[in-house]
Amino acid sequence: MISVEEFLSLPTEEVARLVRTAGPKVCVFPINGTRRWFRLEYPDAPDTISAYIDAMVSVHIRLCRLFFEHGLDTLIVPVFGPDLLKRRGYQEIALRGLSRLATDPLLRDFYSSNDIKVRFYGDYQSHFSDAPWRILLEQFEDLERETTHHQKHRLFLGVYAQDITCAITKITIEYYEKYGVVPTREKLVELNYGEYIQPADIFIGFDHFCVFDMPLLDIGETDLYFTVCPSPYITSAQLRQILYDHQYLRHGLSEEHESLGYHVVERMRNFYKANIEHTQGIGIVKDGIWFPTNQVDMPQEMQR
């Protein structure tokens, strides 16, 4: 097996080839922590919605390019849910930001030049029937139509995708009434996302350890990762470490515990004894911000 050091030093094209050897990968990557990232990285910028959205357009392009170049050909990006509207000033940010996702010339050129098919998923149609949100429906449809022939990459943008129980129920009833059979999970995925997507392979979140906005794609086999810093800070090296863990370390592990040697059992014992009562996902709150706390003590023999 290739070492992590070698994997990190490979040309990007070779990393992408290795990632694709096990078949197409689906990655869910909500881009979170963007307001605090903007505050930290643009301290002298005007605190305006336009300045923030301009910065986020660049971030969206950079991150999508980073993921696609590393062999992740299908990217699921939840971008908006009703919880954001509870935050001060977020309605205008949401309206203008969602519109820019579909209409911004830089983004549309990025989608076109990189052969990216864009689809929107979620229960947004039932929420955008009235002004001023109604215009978004036309803009979403225009972008989907413009990119429908693209084949190299797929980008699914989630809008109101946090709970689609009612939408799925409606789809199921309509499908049964039309065909006389209950739709399969695969058919429901196709009807919800516009085309079939295999179960998610990787979820990369930030902040609280929680998984969201990937309906029907989580069948209990998704590898979960959570960055310590806001999503825009993710780097090529960090993504490669995640991909290495997913590709080589998470799967095909021995479950024959009875056949483990004495030294292997002792190493396992030392690790667990050093971490009794430790829990991944615990954090502290400072000035209203949640920060994760390190919960793992690595025994000397296991340190690199």
Protein backbone atom coordinates (compact mmCIF):
# COMPACT_ATOMS: atom_id res chain seq x y z
CA MET A 1 0.00 0.00 0.00
CA ILE A 2 1.25 3.46 -0.84
CA SER A 3 2.34 5.50 2.19
CA VAL A 4 0.54 8.69 3.19
CA GLU A 5 3.78 10.65 2.68
CA GLU A 6 4.06 9.41 -0.90
CA PHE A 7 0.37 10.02 -1.53
CA LEU A 8 0.70 13.63 -0.35
CA SER A 9 3.64 14.22 -2.71
CA LEU A 10 2.07 12.79 -5.87
CA PRO A 11 1.06 15.00 -8.80
CA THR A 12 -2.60 15.94 -8.62
CA GLU A 13 -3.40 13.95 -11.77
CA GLU A 14 -2.01 10.78 -10.17
CA VAL A 15 -4.00 11.34 -6.98
CA ALA A 16 -7.14 11.68 -9.08
CA ARG A 17 -6.33 8.47 -10.92
CA LEU A 18 -5.87 6.55 -7.68
CA VAL A 19 -9.08 7.96 -6.22
CA ARG A 20 -11.00 6.82 -9.29
CA THR A 21 -9.58 3.27 -9.25
CA ALA A 22 -12.35 2.11 -6.90
CA GLY A 23 -15.02 3.70 -9.09
CA PRO A 24 -16.79 7.08 -9.10
CA LYS A 25 -16.87 8.89 -5.77
CA VAL A 26 -19.66 11.00 -4.30
CA CYS A 27 -18.56 13.65 -1.80
CA VAL A 28 -20.89 15.79 0.33
CA PHE A 29 -19.24 19.07 1.25
CA PRO A 30 -21.32 21.80 2.91
CA ILE A 31 -19.25 24.98 2.77
CA ASN A 32 -19.73 26.30 6.31
CA GLY A 33 -18.19 28.96 8.52
CA THR A 34 -18.05 31.40 5.65
CA ARG A 35 -19.07 34.52 7.58
CA ARG A 36 -16.37 34.10 10.21
CA TRP A 37 -13.85 33.20 7.44
CA PHE A 38 -14.74 36.44 5.62
CA ARG A 39 -14.40 38.43 8.83
CA LEU A 40 -10.95 36.96 9.46
CA GLU A 41 -9.55 37.05 5.93
CA TYR A 42 -11.00 40.38 4.80
CA PRO A 43 -10.76 42.59 7.89
CA ASP A 44 -10.43 45.76 5.78
CA ALA A 45 -13.20 44.94 3.30
CA PRO A 46 -16.49 46.80 3.58
CA ASP A 47 -18.92 44.85 5.69
CA THR A 48 -21.46 44.62 2.90
CA ILE A 49 -23.44 41.79 1.37
CA SER A 50 -21.86 42.46 -2.03
CA ALA A 51 -18.31 42.15 -0.69
CA TYR A 52 -19.16 38.92 1.11
CA ILE A 53 -20.87 37.34 -1.91
CA ASP A 54 -18.03 38.39 -4.23
CA ALA A 55 -15.60 36.59 -1.94
CA MET A 56 -17.84 33.52 -1.79
CA VAL A 57 -18.03 33.27 -5.58
CA SER A 58 -14.24 32.95 -5.65
CA VAL A 59 -14.31 30.43 -2.80
CA HIS A 60 -16.97 28.34 -4.54
CA ILE A 61 -14.91 28.16 -7.72
CA ARG A 62 -11.65 27.37 -5.90
CA LEU A 63 -13.12 24.62 -3.74
CA CYS A 64 -15.05 22.96 -6.54
CA ARG A 65 -11.95 22.97 -8.71
CA LEU A 66 -9.89 21.51 -5.85
CA PHE A 67 -12.31 18.62 -5.31
CA PHE A 68 -12.83 17.85 -8.98
CA GLU A 69 -9.11 17.93 -9.74
CA HIS A 70 -8.55 15.32 -7.02
CA GLY A 71 -10.87 12.78 -8.60
CA LEU A 72 -14.16 13.50 -6.84
CA ASP A 73 -16.41 13.73 -9.87
CA THR A 74 -19.75 14.17 -8.05
CA LEU A 75 -19.97 16.91 -5.44
CA ILE A 76 -23.02 17.50 -3.23
CA VAL A 77 -22.99 21.00 -1.74
CA PRO A 78 -25.85 21.98 0.62
CA VAL A 79 -26.03 25.76 0.32
CA PHE A 80 -29.20 26.94 2.00
CA GLY A 81 -31.75 25.89 4.61
CA PRO A 82 -34.44 27.62 6.66
CA ASP A 83 -32.17 27.77 9.72
CA LEU A 84 -30.15 30.50 7.97
CA LEU A 85 -33.19 32.77 7.80
CA LYS A 86 -33.22 32.87 11.59
CA ARG A 87 -29.91 34.74 11.54
CA ARG A 88 -29.88 38.51 11.39
CA GLY A 89 -29.71 39.88 7.86
CA TYR A 90 -29.56 36.48 6.16
CA GLN A 91 -32.69 36.80 4.02
CA GLU A 92 -31.07 39.29 1.66
CA ILE A 93 -27.80 37.36 1.73
CA ALA A 94 -29.66 34.17 0.84
CA LEU A 95 -31.66 35.73 -1.97
CA ARG A 96 -28.72 37.47 -3.58
CA GLY A 97 -26.29 34.61 -2.96
CA LEU A 98 -28.57 31.95 -4.47
CA SER A 99 -29.19 34.19 -7.45
CA ARG A 100 -25.45 34.64 -7.99
CA LEU A 101 -24.90 30.87 -7.86
CA ALA A 102 -27.12 30.54 -10.89
CA THR A 103 -26.34 33.74 -12.82
CA ASP A 104 -22.84 34.97 -11.98
CA PRO A 105 -20.75 35.15 -15.20
CA LEU A 106 -17.61 33.83 -13.48
CA LEU A 107 -19.49 30.81 -12.14
CA ARG A 108 -21.26 30.09 -15.40
CA ASP A 109 -17.94 30.28 -17.25
CA PHE A 110 -16.42 27.93 -14.65
CA TYR A 111 -19.25 25.42 -15.10
CA SER A 112 -18.93 25.62 -18.89
CA SER A 113 -15.16 25.48 -19.23
CA ASN A 114 -14.87 22.56 -16.79
CA ASP A 115 -17.77 20.53 -18.24
CA ILE A 116 -19.75 20.63 -14.98
CA LYS A 117 -23.42 19.66 -14.90
CA VAL A 118 -25.27 21.65 -12.23
CA ARG A 119 -28.50 20.56 -10.59
CA PHE A 120 -30.45 21.96 -7.65
CA TYR A 121 -32.11 19.59 -5.21
CA GLY A 122 -34.36 19.94 -2.19
CA ASP A 123 -37.87 21.15 -1.49
CA TYR A 124 -37.16 24.71 -2.66
CA GLN A 125 -39.98 24.90 -5.20
CA SER A 126 -42.62 24.86 -2.48
CA HIS A 127 -40.84 27.74 -0.69
CA PHE A 128 -40.06 29.93 -3.69
CA SER A 129 -43.55 30.35 -5.12
CA ASP A 130 -43.91 33.97 -3.99
CA ALA A 131 -41.94 37.14 -4.72
CA PRO A 132 -39.12 37.96 -4.34
CA TRP A 133 -38.01 34.30 -4.27
CA ARG A 134 -39.94 33.23 -7.38
CA ILE A 135 -37.25 34.58 -9.73
CA LEU A 136 -34.85 31.96 -8.37
CA LEU A 137 -36.90 29.16 -9.90
CA GLU A 138 -36.34 30.54 -13.39
CA GLN A 139 -32.65 31.14 -12.73
CA PHE A 140 -32.15 27.60 -11.41
CA GLU A 141 -33.94 26.12 -14.42
CA ASP A 142 -31.87 28.21 -16.84
CA LEU A 143 -28.61 27.01 -15.33
CA GLU A 144 -29.70 23.37 -15.26
CA ARG A 145 -30.78 23.58 -18.89
CA GLU A 146 -27.53 25.30 -19.90
CA THR A 147 -25.33 22.64 -18.25
CA THR A 148 -27.43 19.54 -18.84
CA HIS A 149 -25.14 18.26 -21.62
CA HIS A 150 -21.99 18.50 -19.48
CA GLN A 151 -20.58 15.09 -18.55
CA LYS A 152 -17.19 15.34 -16.83
CA HIS A 153 -18.33 16.53 -13.39
CA ARG A 154 -21.61 16.85 -11.49
CA LEU A 155 -22.42 19.53 -8.93
CA PHE A 156 -25.62 19.24 -6.90
CA LEU A 157 -26.59 22.32 -4.89
CA GLY A 158 -28.94 21.71 -1.96
CA VAL A 159 -31.68 24.25 -1.22
CA TYR A 160 -34.26 23.43 1.48
CA ALA A 161 -32.94 19.86 1.55
CA GLN A 162 -32.90 19.43 5.32
CA ASP A 163 -36.17 17.47 5.54
CA ILE A 164 -37.81 16.21 2.38
CA THR A 165 -40.14 13.71 4.02
CA CYS A 166 -43.25 15.42 2.67
CA ALA A 167 -41.71 15.82 -0.78
CA ILE A 168 -40.66 12.16 -0.91
CA THR A 169 -44.13 11.09 0.25
CA LYS A 170 -45.71 13.16 -2.53
CA ILE A 171 -43.31 11.73 -5.13
CA THR A 172 -44.03 8.18 -3.96
CA ILE A 173 -47.81 8.64 -4.13
CA GLU A 174 -47.65 10.22 -7.59
CA TYR A 175 -45.33 7.48 -8.86
CA TYR A 176 -47.62 4.75 -7.53
CA GLU A 177 -50.69 6.35 -9.02
CA LYS A 178 -48.97 6.56 -12.40
CA TYR A 179 -47.19 3.18 -12.54
CA GLY A 180 -48.98 1.04 -9.96
CA VAL A 181 -45.79 0.13 -8.10
CA VAL A 182 -43.85 1.62 -5.21
CA PRO A 183 -40.66 3.35 -6.40
CA THR A 184 -37.33 1.83 -5.41
CA ARG A 185 -34.75 3.81 -3.43
CA GLU A 186 -32.80 4.25 -6.66
CA LYS A 187 -35.84 5.68 -8.43
CA LEU A 188 -36.56 8.04 -5.49
CA VAL A 189 -32.96 9.28 -5.65
CA GLU A 190 -33.36 9.92 -9.37
CA LEU A 191 -36.65 11.75 -8.92
CA ASN A 192 -35.32 13.86 -6.04
CA TYR A 193 -31.96 14.84 -7.55
CA GLY A 194 -32.88 14.86 -11.24
CA GLU A 195 -30.72 11.81 -11.96
CA TYR A 196 -29.36 8.84 -10.08
CA ILE A 197 -26.56 9.37 -7.55
CA GLN A 198 -24.88 6.47 -5.79
CA PRO A 199 -24.75 6.52 -1.97
CA ALA A 200 -22.38 9.15 -0.58
CA ASP A 201 -18.81 7.97 -0.04
CA ILE A 202 -17.48 10.95 1.93
CA PHE A 203 -18.99 13.73 4.02
CA ILE A 204 -16.70 16.64 5.00
CA GLY A 205 -18.28 18.96 7.55
CA PHE A 206 -17.14 21.73 9.86
CA ASP A 207 -17.99 22.79 13.40
CA HIS A 208 -20.51 20.59 15.24
CA PHE A 209 -20.32 16.91 14.38
CA CYS A 210 -23.59 16.49 12.47
CA VAL A 211 -24.57 15.23 9.05
CA PHE A 212 -27.29 16.92 7.03
CA ASP A 213 -28.85 17.73 3.66
CA MET A 214 -28.01 14.55 1.76
CA PRO A 215 -31.41 12.81 1.70
CA LEU A 216 -31.42 9.18 0.50
CA LEU A 217 -27.64 9.15 -0.01
CA ASP A 218 -26.64 8.03 3.49
CA ILE A 219 -27.07 4.27 3.83
CA GLY A 220 -24.68 3.91 6.75
CA GLU A 221 -21.51 3.58 4.67
CA THR A 222 -20.46 7.22 4.37
CA ASP A 223 -17.04 8.10 5.81
CA LEU A 224 -17.43 11.22 7.98
CA TYR A 225 -14.77 13.91 8.40
CA PHE A 226 -14.96 17.28 10.17
CA THR A 227 -12.46 20.07 9.66
CA VAL A 228 -11.38 22.14 12.66
CA CYS A 229 -11.28 25.37 10.62
CA PRO A 230 -14.09 26.82 8.45
CA SER A 231 -14.58 25.08 5.10
CA PRO A 232 -12.90 27.78 2.95
CA TYR A 233 -9.60 27.03 4.72
CA ILE A 234 -9.38 23.47 3.39
CA THR A 235 -6.14 22.86 1.47
CA SER A 236 -4.93 20.36 -1.08
CA ALA A 237 -2.83 18.58 1.57
CA GLN A 238 -5.81 18.36 3.93
CA LEU A 239 -8.09 16.99 1.23
CA ARG A 240 -5.43 14.44 0.28
CA GLN A 241 -5.18 13.26 3.89
CA ILE A 242 -8.95 12.74 3.89
CA LEU A 243 -8.82 10.91 0.57
CA TYR A 244 -5.95 8.71 1.76
CA ASP A 245 -7.84 7.76 4.90
CA HIS A 246 -10.97 7.00 2.88
CA GLN A 247 -9.14 5.13 0.13
CA TYR A 248 -6.72 3.02 2.17
CA LEU A 249 -7.47 3.05 5.90
CA ARG A 250 -11.23 2.87 6.46
CA HIS A 251 -12.11 -0.27 4.53
CA GLY A 252 -10.96 -3.88 4.31
CA LEU A 253 -9.85 -3.90 7.95
CA SER A 254 -9.46 -7.14 9.88
CA GLU A 255 -12.39 -8.13 12.06
CA GLU A 256 -10.75 -11.37 13.21
CA HIS A 257 -9.95 -10.07 16.69
CA GLU A 258 -9.40 -13.56 18.05
CA SER A 259 -6.37 -14.05 15.79
CA LEU A 260 -4.61 -10.82 16.73
CA GLY A 261 -1.14 -11.23 18.21
CA TYR A 262 -0.17 -10.31 21.77
CA HIS A 263 1.61 -7.07 20.84
CA VAL A 264 -1.32 -5.93 18.67
CA VAL A 265 -3.77 -6.52 21.53
CA GLU A 266 -1.52 -4.68 24.00
CA ARG A 267 -1.22 -1.68 21.68
CA MET A 268 -5.00 -1.60 21.34
CA ARG A 269 -5.38 -1.91 25.11
CA ASN A 270 -2.94 0.95 25.75
CA PHE A 271 -4.77 3.22 23.31
CA TYR A 272 -8.21 2.60 24.81
CA LYS A 273 -6.97 2.85 28.38
CA ALA A 274 -5.39 6.21 27.56
CA ASN A 275 -8.71 7.46 26.19
CA ILE A 276 -11.32 6.13 28.61
CA GLU A 277 -14.10 8.74 28.99
CA HIS A 278 -12.87 10.65 25.93
CA THR A 279 -15.51 11.45 23.29
CA GLN A 280 -14.97 12.81 19.77
CA GLY A 281 -17.28 15.77 19.09
CA ILE A 282 -17.13 17.42 22.50
CA GLY A 283 -16.31 21.12 22.53
CA ILE A 284 -16.36 24.36 24.44
CA VAL A 285 -18.14 27.67 23.82
CA LYS A 286 -16.24 30.98 23.93
CA ASP A 287 -17.99 34.26 23.15
CA GLY A 288 -20.87 32.38 21.57
CA ILE A 289 -18.61 30.34 19.24
CA TRP A 290 -18.33 26.54 19.55
CA PHE A 291 -14.82 25.11 19.34
CA PRO A 292 -13.93 21.39 19.31
CA THR A 293 -11.61 20.10 22.03
CA ASN A 294 -8.94 17.48 21.44
CA GLN A 295 -10.16 14.21 22.93
CA VAL A 296 -7.45 11.79 21.82
CA ASP A 297 -4.30 10.96 23.76
CA MET A 298 -1.99 8.94 21.55
CA PRO A 299 0.30 6.48 23.39
CA GLN A 300 3.99 7.02 22.68
CA GLU A 301 4.32 3.79 20.70
CA MET A 302 1.61 4.96 18.26
CA GLN A 303 2.97 8.44 17.63
CA ARG A 304 4.69 9.04 14.33
